[in-house]
Amino acid sequence: MLDFLRSPVRALVPIFLVVLLCVSIPAHSELREIDWLELMPAADLALLENMPELEHDGDGPALLPDEIMTGRVVPEMSNIDGRIPGFVVPLKTTKDMRILEFFLVPYYGACIHVPPPPQNQIIHIKYKQGFTLEALYEPVWVEGTLVIDRTETVVGTSSYSMVAETVEPYEE
């Protein structure tokens, strides 16, 4: 027993083993799947759930109530590493039609057809590698870190943004 204490290398072995067991080695785990409704504050969600049916009178587009279009965010959703499915509204493409920057929206035709989704239901995405789509009605998965960051373009305004790590075709 005393020999164990006299040998400095032997004395460090149990400590080394404890440290190894305590250090978490990141295993490949599933990313958090972000739900679009998590991006809406409870007050906005309540407005949406209790909203009367939209009426369309005249030549102009049907619009959502101003109270829901404020772009309010959920602070707890900032800096969330995750993945979210959605549809692409291209903002910046290359000559060979690779999409480098886009809005991710929860339903097909958003920002093209009216009314547009609320700003907290639009995510501004930058993807340096770029990707191609056969058709805009094809949904994608986007992985990255979600942050609260307002982006205004002629196409629309978003309350959140993400630098994508991957963009892949949507598969359940």
C-alpha atoms as a PDB file:
ATOM      1  CA  MET A   1       0.000   0.000   0.000  1.00  0.00           C
ATOM      2  CA  LEU A   2       2.788   2.411   0.851  1.00  0.00           C
ATOM      3  CA  ASP A   3       4.521   1.647  -2.469  1.00  0.00           C
ATOM      4  CA  PHE A   4       1.439   2.980  -4.236  1.00  0.00           C
ATOM      5  CA  LEU A   5       1.747   6.277  -2.412  1.00  0.00           C
ATOM      6  CA  ARG A   6       5.475   6.487  -3.034  1.00  0.00           C
ATOM      7  CA  SER A   7       5.195   6.170  -6.817  1.00  0.00           C
ATOM      8  CA  PRO A   8       4.064   9.515  -8.292  1.00  0.00           C
ATOM      9  CA  VAL A   9       2.960   7.924 -11.569  1.00  0.00           C
ATOM     10  CA  ARG A  10       0.951   5.238  -9.810  1.00  0.00           C
ATOM     11  CA  ALA A  11      -0.645   7.857  -7.578  1.00  0.00           C
ATOM     12  CA  LEU A  12      -1.855   9.778 -10.619  1.00  0.00           C
ATOM     13  CA  VAL A  13      -3.476   6.781 -12.352  1.00  0.00           C
ATOM     14  CA  PRO A  14      -6.652   6.712 -10.182  1.00  0.00           C
ATOM     15  CA  ILE A  15      -7.010  10.483 -10.466  1.00  0.00           C
ATOM     16  CA  PHE A  16      -6.553  10.294 -14.229  1.00  0.00           C
ATOM     17  CA  LEU A  17      -9.222   7.582 -14.476  1.00  0.00           C
ATOM     18  CA  VAL A  18     -11.681   9.648 -12.410  1.00  0.00           C
ATOM     19  CA  VAL A  19     -11.063  12.687 -14.615  1.00  0.00           C
ATOM     20  CA  LEU A  20     -11.614  10.607 -17.753  1.00  0.00           C
ATOM     21  CA  LEU A  21     -14.886   9.256 -16.402  1.00  0.00           C
ATOM     22  CA  CYS A  22     -16.108  12.716 -15.397  1.00  0.00           C
ATOM     23  CA  VAL A  23     -15.287  14.464 -18.664  1.00  0.00           C
ATOM     24  CA  SER A  24     -18.171  14.198 -21.058  1.00  0.00           C
ATOM     25  CA  ILE A  25     -17.058  13.216 -24.500  1.00  0.00           C
ATOM     26  CA  PRO A  26     -19.635  14.596 -26.913  1.00  0.00           C
ATOM     27  CA  ALA A  27     -21.357  11.799 -28.747  1.00  0.00           C
ATOM     28  CA  HIS A  28     -23.198  12.425 -31.972  1.00  0.00           C
ATOM     29  CA  SER A  29     -26.621  13.281 -30.686  1.00  0.00           C
ATOM     30  CA  GLU A  30     -29.754  14.449 -32.365  1.00  0.00           C
ATOM     31  CA  LEU A  31     -30.053  18.205 -32.595  1.00  0.00           C
ATOM     32  CA  ARG A  32     -32.989  19.866 -30.940  1.00  0.00           C
ATOM     33  CA  GLU A  33     -35.865  20.112 -33.378  1.00  0.00           C
ATOM     34  CA  ILE A  34     -37.235  23.643 -33.242  1.00  0.00           C
ATOM     35  CA  ASP A  35     -40.987  24.032 -33.629  1.00  0.00           C
ATOM     36  CA  TRP A  36     -42.189  27.170 -35.405  1.00  0.00           C
ATOM     37  CA  LEU A  37     -44.655  27.924 -32.612  1.00  0.00           C
ATOM     38  CA  GLU A  38     -41.762  28.095 -30.110  1.00  0.00           C
ATOM     39  CA  LEU A  39     -40.682  31.282 -31.895  1.00  0.00           C
ATOM     40  CA  MET A  40     -43.919  33.090 -31.026  1.00  0.00           C
ATOM     41  CA  PRO A  41     -44.410  34.711 -27.609  1.00  0.00           C
ATOM     42  CA  ALA A  42     -47.407  33.346 -25.701  1.00  0.00           C
ATOM     43  CA  ALA A  43     -49.362  36.582 -26.303  1.00  0.00           C
ATOM     44  CA  ASP A  44     -48.905  36.312 -30.084  1.00  0.00           C
ATOM     45  CA  LEU A  45     -49.827  32.646 -30.040  1.00  0.00           C
ATOM     46  CA  ALA A  46     -53.015  33.441 -28.095  1.00  0.00           C
ATOM     47  CA  LEU A  47     -53.888  36.155 -30.639  1.00  0.00           C
ATOM     48  CA  LEU A  48     -53.356  33.717 -33.476  1.00  0.00           C
ATOM     49  CA  GLU A  49     -55.416  30.973 -31.845  1.00  0.00           C
ATOM     50  CA  ASN A  50     -58.321  33.355 -31.110  1.00  0.00           C
ATOM     51  CA  MET A  51     -58.220  35.303 -34.337  1.00  0.00           C
ATOM     52  CA  PRO A  52     -61.472  35.610 -36.250  1.00  0.00           C
ATOM     53  CA  GLU A  53     -61.559  34.290 -39.779  1.00  0.00           C
ATOM     54  CA  LEU A  54     -59.833  36.630 -42.225  1.00  0.00           C
ATOM     55  CA  GLU A  55     -62.138  38.476 -44.514  1.00  0.00           C
ATOM     56  CA  HIS A  56     -61.030  39.740 -47.864  1.00  0.00           C
ATOM     57  CA  ASP A  57     -62.853  42.808 -49.096  1.00  0.00           C
ATOM     58  CA  GLY A  58     -61.804  44.825 -52.099  1.00  0.00           C
ATOM     59  CA  ASP A  59     -58.735  44.538 -54.279  1.00  0.00           C
ATOM     60  CA  GLY A  60     -56.069  44.590 -51.567  1.00  0.00           C
ATOM     61  CA  PRO A  61     -54.576  41.563 -49.853  1.00  0.00           C
ATOM     62  CA  ALA A  62     -56.024  40.034 -46.718  1.00  0.00           C
ATOM     63  CA  LEU A  63     -53.823  41.057 -43.807  1.00  0.00           C
ATOM     64  CA  LEU A  64     -53.172  39.683 -40.356  1.00  0.00           C
ATOM     65  CA  PRO A  65     -53.998  42.000 -37.440  1.00  0.00           C
ATOM     66  CA  ASP A  66     -51.304  44.548 -36.573  1.00  0.00           C
ATOM     67  CA  GLU A  67     -51.013  43.120 -33.038  1.00  0.00           C
ATOM     68  CA  ILE A  68     -49.545  39.896 -34.390  1.00  0.00           C
ATOM     69  CA  MET A  69     -47.190  41.553 -36.894  1.00  0.00           C
ATOM     70  CA  THR A  70     -44.952  43.285 -34.316  1.00  0.00           C
ATOM     71  CA  GLY A  71     -42.101  40.785 -34.645  1.00  0.00           C
ATOM     72  CA  ARG A  72     -41.926  40.104 -30.910  1.00  0.00           C
ATOM     73  CA  VAL A  73     -39.526  37.290 -30.046  1.00  0.00           C
ATOM     74  CA  VAL A  74     -39.016  34.643 -27.379  1.00  0.00           C
ATOM     75  CA  PRO A  75     -35.722  35.527 -25.615  1.00  0.00           C
ATOM     76  CA  GLU A  76     -35.184  31.900 -24.542  1.00  0.00           C
ATOM     77  CA  MET A  77     -34.903  30.912 -28.219  1.00  0.00           C
ATOM     78  CA  SER A  78     -31.690  32.893 -28.685  1.00  0.00           C
ATOM     79  CA  ASN A  79     -28.506  30.887 -29.247  1.00  0.00           C
ATOM     80  CA  ILE A  80     -30.331  27.576 -29.671  1.00  0.00           C
ATOM     81  CA  ASP A  81     -28.423  24.931 -31.621  1.00  0.00           C
ATOM     82  CA  GLY A  82     -31.016  23.022 -33.567  1.00  0.00           C
ATOM     83  CA  ARG A  83     -32.755  22.133 -36.766  1.00  0.00           C
ATOM     84  CA  ILE A  84     -35.986  23.400 -38.223  1.00  0.00           C
ATOM     85  CA  PRO A  85     -37.964  22.438 -41.312  1.00  0.00           C
ATOM     86  CA  GLY A  86     -39.415  24.987 -43.697  1.00  0.00           C
ATOM     87  CA  PHE A  87     -39.674  26.432 -47.148  1.00  0.00           C
ATOM     88  CA  VAL A  88     -37.163  28.616 -48.958  1.00  0.00           C
ATOM     89  CA  VAL A  89     -37.691  32.168 -50.184  1.00  0.00           C
ATOM     90  CA  PRO A  90     -34.407  32.925 -52.026  1.00  0.00           C
ATOM     91  CA  LEU A  91     -32.704  36.267 -51.378  1.00  0.00           C
ATOM     92  CA  LYS A  92     -29.227  35.742 -52.870  1.00  0.00           C
ATOM     93  CA  THR A  93     -28.142  33.183 -55.483  1.00  0.00           C
ATOM     94  CA  THR A  94     -25.058  32.467 -57.561  1.00  0.00           C
ATOM     95  CA  LYS A  95     -24.965  32.455 -61.382  1.00  0.00           C
ATOM     96  CA  ASP A  96     -25.438  28.679 -61.311  1.00  0.00           C
ATOM     97  CA  MET A  97     -28.554  29.128 -59.096  1.00  0.00           C
ATOM     98  CA  ARG A  98     -27.025  27.979 -55.798  1.00  0.00           C
ATOM     99  CA  ILE A  99     -28.967  29.621 -52.968  1.00  0.00           C
ATOM    100  CA  LEU A 100     -26.636  31.396 -50.526  1.00  0.00           C
ATOM    101  CA  GLU A 101     -29.117  33.491 -48.546  1.00  0.00           C
ATOM    102  CA  PHE A 102     -32.835  33.004 -47.993  1.00  0.00           C
ATOM    103  CA  PHE A 103     -35.789  33.380 -45.702  1.00  0.00           C
ATOM    104  CA  LEU A 104     -36.996  30.139 -44.140  1.00  0.00           C
ATOM    105  CA  VAL A 105     -40.768  30.179 -43.659  1.00  0.00           C
ATOM    106  CA  PRO A 106     -43.198  27.655 -42.173  1.00  0.00           C
ATOM    107  CA  TYR A 107     -45.424  27.190 -45.217  1.00  0.00           C
ATOM    108  CA  TYR A 108     -45.052  27.167 -48.977  1.00  0.00           C
ATOM    109  CA  GLY A 109     -45.696  30.471 -50.719  1.00  0.00           C
ATOM    110  CA  ALA A 110     -45.092  32.674 -47.683  1.00  0.00           C
ATOM    111  CA  CYS A 111     -43.722  36.114 -48.617  1.00  0.00           C
ATOM    112  CA  ILE A 112     -44.866  35.504 -52.183  1.00  0.00           C
ATOM    113  CA  HIS A 113     -48.550  35.112 -51.493  1.00  0.00           C
ATOM    114  CA  VAL A 114     -50.287  37.302 -48.962  1.00  0.00           C
ATOM    115  CA  PRO A 115     -50.625  37.668 -46.100  1.00  0.00           C
ATOM    116  CA  PRO A 116     -46.974  37.070 -45.192  1.00  0.00           C
ATOM    117  CA  PRO A 117     -46.266  35.286 -41.924  1.00  0.00           C
ATOM    118  CA  PRO A 118     -45.488  37.351 -38.834  1.00  0.00           C
ATOM    119  CA  GLN A 119     -41.837  38.421 -38.572  1.00  0.00           C
ATOM    120  CA  ASN A 120     -41.268  35.917 -35.760  1.00  0.00           C
ATOM    121  CA  GLN A 121     -42.252  33.173 -38.222  1.00  0.00           C
ATOM    122  CA  ILE A 122     -39.501  34.110 -40.696  1.00  0.00           C
ATOM    123  CA  ILE A 123     -35.842  33.152 -40.222  1.00  0.00           C
ATOM    124  CA  HIS A 124     -33.099  34.838 -42.249  1.00  0.00           C
ATOM    125  CA  ILE A 125     -30.592  32.151 -43.272  1.00  0.00           C
ATOM    126  CA  LYS A 126     -27.072  32.504 -44.665  1.00  0.00           C
ATOM    127  CA  TYR A 127     -25.425  29.377 -46.057  1.00  0.00           C
ATOM    128  CA  LYS A 128     -21.932  29.975 -47.398  1.00  0.00           C
ATOM    129  CA  GLN A 129     -21.734  26.656 -49.307  1.00  0.00           C
ATOM    130  CA  GLY A 130     -25.028  27.253 -51.048  1.00  0.00           C
ATOM    131  CA  PHE A 131     -27.471  24.602 -52.253  1.00  0.00           C
ATOM    132  CA  THR A 132     -29.875  24.039 -55.108  1.00  0.00           C
ATOM    133  CA  LEU A 133     -33.565  23.209 -55.143  1.00  0.00           C
ATOM    134  CA  GLU A 134     -35.510  21.654 -57.963  1.00  0.00           C
ATOM    135  CA  ALA A 135     -38.614  23.594 -56.893  1.00  0.00           C
ATOM    136  CA  LEU A 136     -39.455  26.091 -54.157  1.00  0.00           C
ATOM    137  CA  TYR A 137     -42.295  23.893 -52.924  1.00  0.00           C
ATOM    138  CA  GLU A 138     -39.734  21.326 -51.707  1.00  0.00           C
ATOM    139  CA  PRO A 139     -39.204  21.712 -47.934  1.00  0.00           C
ATOM    140  CA  VAL A 140     -35.744  21.595 -46.345  1.00  0.00           C
ATOM    141  CA  TRP A 141     -34.154  21.008 -42.962  1.00  0.00           C
ATOM    142  CA  VAL A 142     -31.808  23.758 -41.800  1.00  0.00           C
ATOM    143  CA  GLU A 143     -29.300  23.148 -39.004  1.00  0.00           C
ATOM    144  CA  GLY A 144     -27.432  25.850 -37.139  1.00  0.00           C
ATOM    145  CA  THR A 145     -27.614  28.249 -34.220  1.00  0.00           C
ATOM    146  CA  LEU A 146     -30.782  30.321 -34.015  1.00  0.00           C
ATOM    147  CA  VAL A 147     -30.291  33.920 -32.876  1.00  0.00           C
ATOM    148  CA  ILE A 148     -32.539  36.909 -32.386  1.00  0.00           C
ATOM    149  CA  ASP A 149     -31.613  39.286 -35.181  1.00  0.00           C
ATOM    150  CA  ARG A 150     -33.999  41.465 -37.178  1.00  0.00           C
ATOM    151  CA  THR A 151     -33.421  41.490 -40.947  1.00  0.00           C
ATOM    152  CA  GLU A 152     -35.337  43.759 -43.318  1.00  0.00           C
ATOM    153  CA  THR A 153     -35.389  43.236 -47.089  1.00  0.00           C
ATOM    154  CA  VAL A 154     -37.717  44.223 -49.903  1.00  0.00           C
ATOM    155  CA  VAL A 155     -39.108  40.673 -49.724  1.00  0.00           C
ATOM    156  CA  GLY A 156     -39.921  40.779 -46.008  1.00  0.00           C
ATOM    157  CA  THR A 157     -38.693  41.171 -42.447  1.00  0.00           C
ATOM    158  CA  SER A 158     -37.530  38.467 -40.054  1.00  0.00           C
ATOM    159  CA  SER A 159     -37.080  38.497 -36.283  1.00  0.00           C
ATOM    160  CA  TYR A 160     -34.625  35.572 -36.162  1.00  0.00           C
ATOM    161  CA  SER A 161     -31.563  34.520 -38.145  1.00  0.00           C
ATOM    162  CA  MET A 162     -29.228  31.579 -38.505  1.00  0.00           C
ATOM    163  CA  VAL A 163     -25.918  30.838 -40.173  1.00  0.00           C
ATOM    164  CA  ALA A 164     -26.673  27.374 -41.502  1.00  0.00           C
ATOM    165  CA  GLU A 165     -24.269  24.512 -40.989  1.00  0.00           C
ATOM    166  CA  THR A 166     -26.303  22.265 -43.275  1.00  0.00           C
ATOM    167  CA  VAL A 167     -29.324  22.548 -45.548  1.00  0.00           C
ATOM    168  CA  GLU A 168     -30.831  19.229 -46.612  1.00  0.00           C
ATOM    169  CA  PRO A 169     -34.016  18.023 -48.251  1.00  0.00           C
ATOM    170  CA  TYR A 170     -36.815  17.478 -45.752  1.00  0.00           C
ATOM    171  CA  GLU A 171     -37.343  13.893 -44.696  1.00  0.00           C
ATOM    172  CA  GLU A 172     -39.201  12.822 -41.555  1.00  0.00           C
END
